[in-house]
């Protein structure tokens, strides 16, 4: 079994995690350099995933770029 390289919460769903990783987003600090609107353009990343990631970033004292 392969190790999951993503630190992103599984709460966003398998497809969202996989697609974000495929686009190079596996760490929360990487998300702070991108706008949420841009991530919505990635297949499998919808409003629910963005809401959850917003909460996760806020808990870490961060947020999406431009937010």
Protein backbone atom coordinates (compact mmCIF):
# COMPACT_ATOMS: atom_id res chain seq x y z
CA UNK A 1 0.00 0.00 0.00
CA UNK A 2 1.36 3.44 -0.91
CA UNK A 3 1.75 6.14 1.68
CA UNK A 4 -0.53 9.18 1.31
CA UNK A 5 1.71 12.21 0.64
CA UNK A 6 -1.06 14.73 1.40
CA UNK A 7 -1.46 16.38 4.78
CA UNK A 8 -4.86 17.74 3.71
CA UNK A 9 -7.81 16.52 5.73
CA UNK A 10 -9.70 13.48 4.43
CA UNK A 11 -12.90 15.41 5.24
CA UNK A 12 -12.70 17.03 1.78
CA UNK A 13 -13.14 13.66 0.08
CA UNK A 14 -10.91 11.25 -1.81
CA UNK A 15 -11.40 12.79 -5.23
CA UNK A 16 -10.66 16.32 -4.02
CA UNK A 17 -7.52 15.18 -2.17
CA UNK A 18 -6.30 13.19 -5.17
CA UNK A 19 -6.95 16.00 -7.65
CA UNK A 20 -5.39 18.65 -5.43
CA UNK A 21 -2.30 16.44 -5.06
CA UNK A 22 -2.20 15.95 -8.83
CA UNK A 23 -2.06 19.74 -9.16
CA UNK A 24 0.74 20.00 -6.56
CA UNK A 25 -1.32 20.88 -3.49
CA UNK A 26 -0.50 18.51 -0.63
CA UNK A 27 0.28 20.95 2.20
CA UNK A 28 -1.77 23.71 3.80
CA UNK A 29 0.99 26.26 3.31
CA UNK A 30 0.69 25.75 -0.47
CA UNK A 31 -3.00 26.63 -0.34
CA UNK A 32 -2.26 30.05 1.16
CA UNK A 33 -0.59 31.01 -2.14
CA UNK A 34 -3.68 30.31 -4.27
CA UNK A 35 -7.18 31.76 -4.46
CA UNK A 36 -10.10 29.53 -3.53
CA UNK A 37 -11.72 30.47 -6.86
CA UNK A 38 -8.78 28.89 -8.72
CA UNK A 39 -9.14 25.63 -6.79
CA UNK A 40 -12.82 25.46 -7.72
CA UNK A 41 -11.67 25.01 -11.31
CA UNK A 42 -10.08 21.67 -10.42
CA UNK A 43 -12.25 18.62 -11.07
CA UNK A 44 -13.59 17.21 -7.80
CA UNK A 45 -12.99 20.36 -5.76
CA UNK A 46 -16.32 21.93 -4.93
CA UNK A 47 -17.77 24.43 -2.49
CA UNK A 48 -17.85 21.90 0.36
CA UNK A 49 -14.14 21.12 -0.02
CA UNK A 50 -13.34 24.85 -0.14
CA UNK A 51 -15.41 25.46 3.02
CA UNK A 52 -13.59 22.68 4.87
CA UNK A 53 -10.18 23.86 3.66
CA UNK A 54 -11.06 27.42 4.70
CA UNK A 55 -11.81 26.13 8.21
CA UNK A 56 -8.59 24.11 8.28
CA UNK A 57 -6.51 27.08 7.12
CA UNK A 58 -8.16 29.39 9.67
CA UNK A 59 -7.35 26.91 12.45
CA UNK A 60 -3.71 27.25 11.36
CA UNK A 61 -3.87 31.06 11.32
CA UNK A 62 -3.89 31.24 7.55
CA UNK A 63 -6.24 31.53 4.58
CA UNK A 64 -6.40 31.42 0.83
CA UNK A 65 -4.57 34.12 -1.14
CA UNK A 66 -6.61 37.28 -1.47
CA UNK A 67 -9.09 36.25 1.25
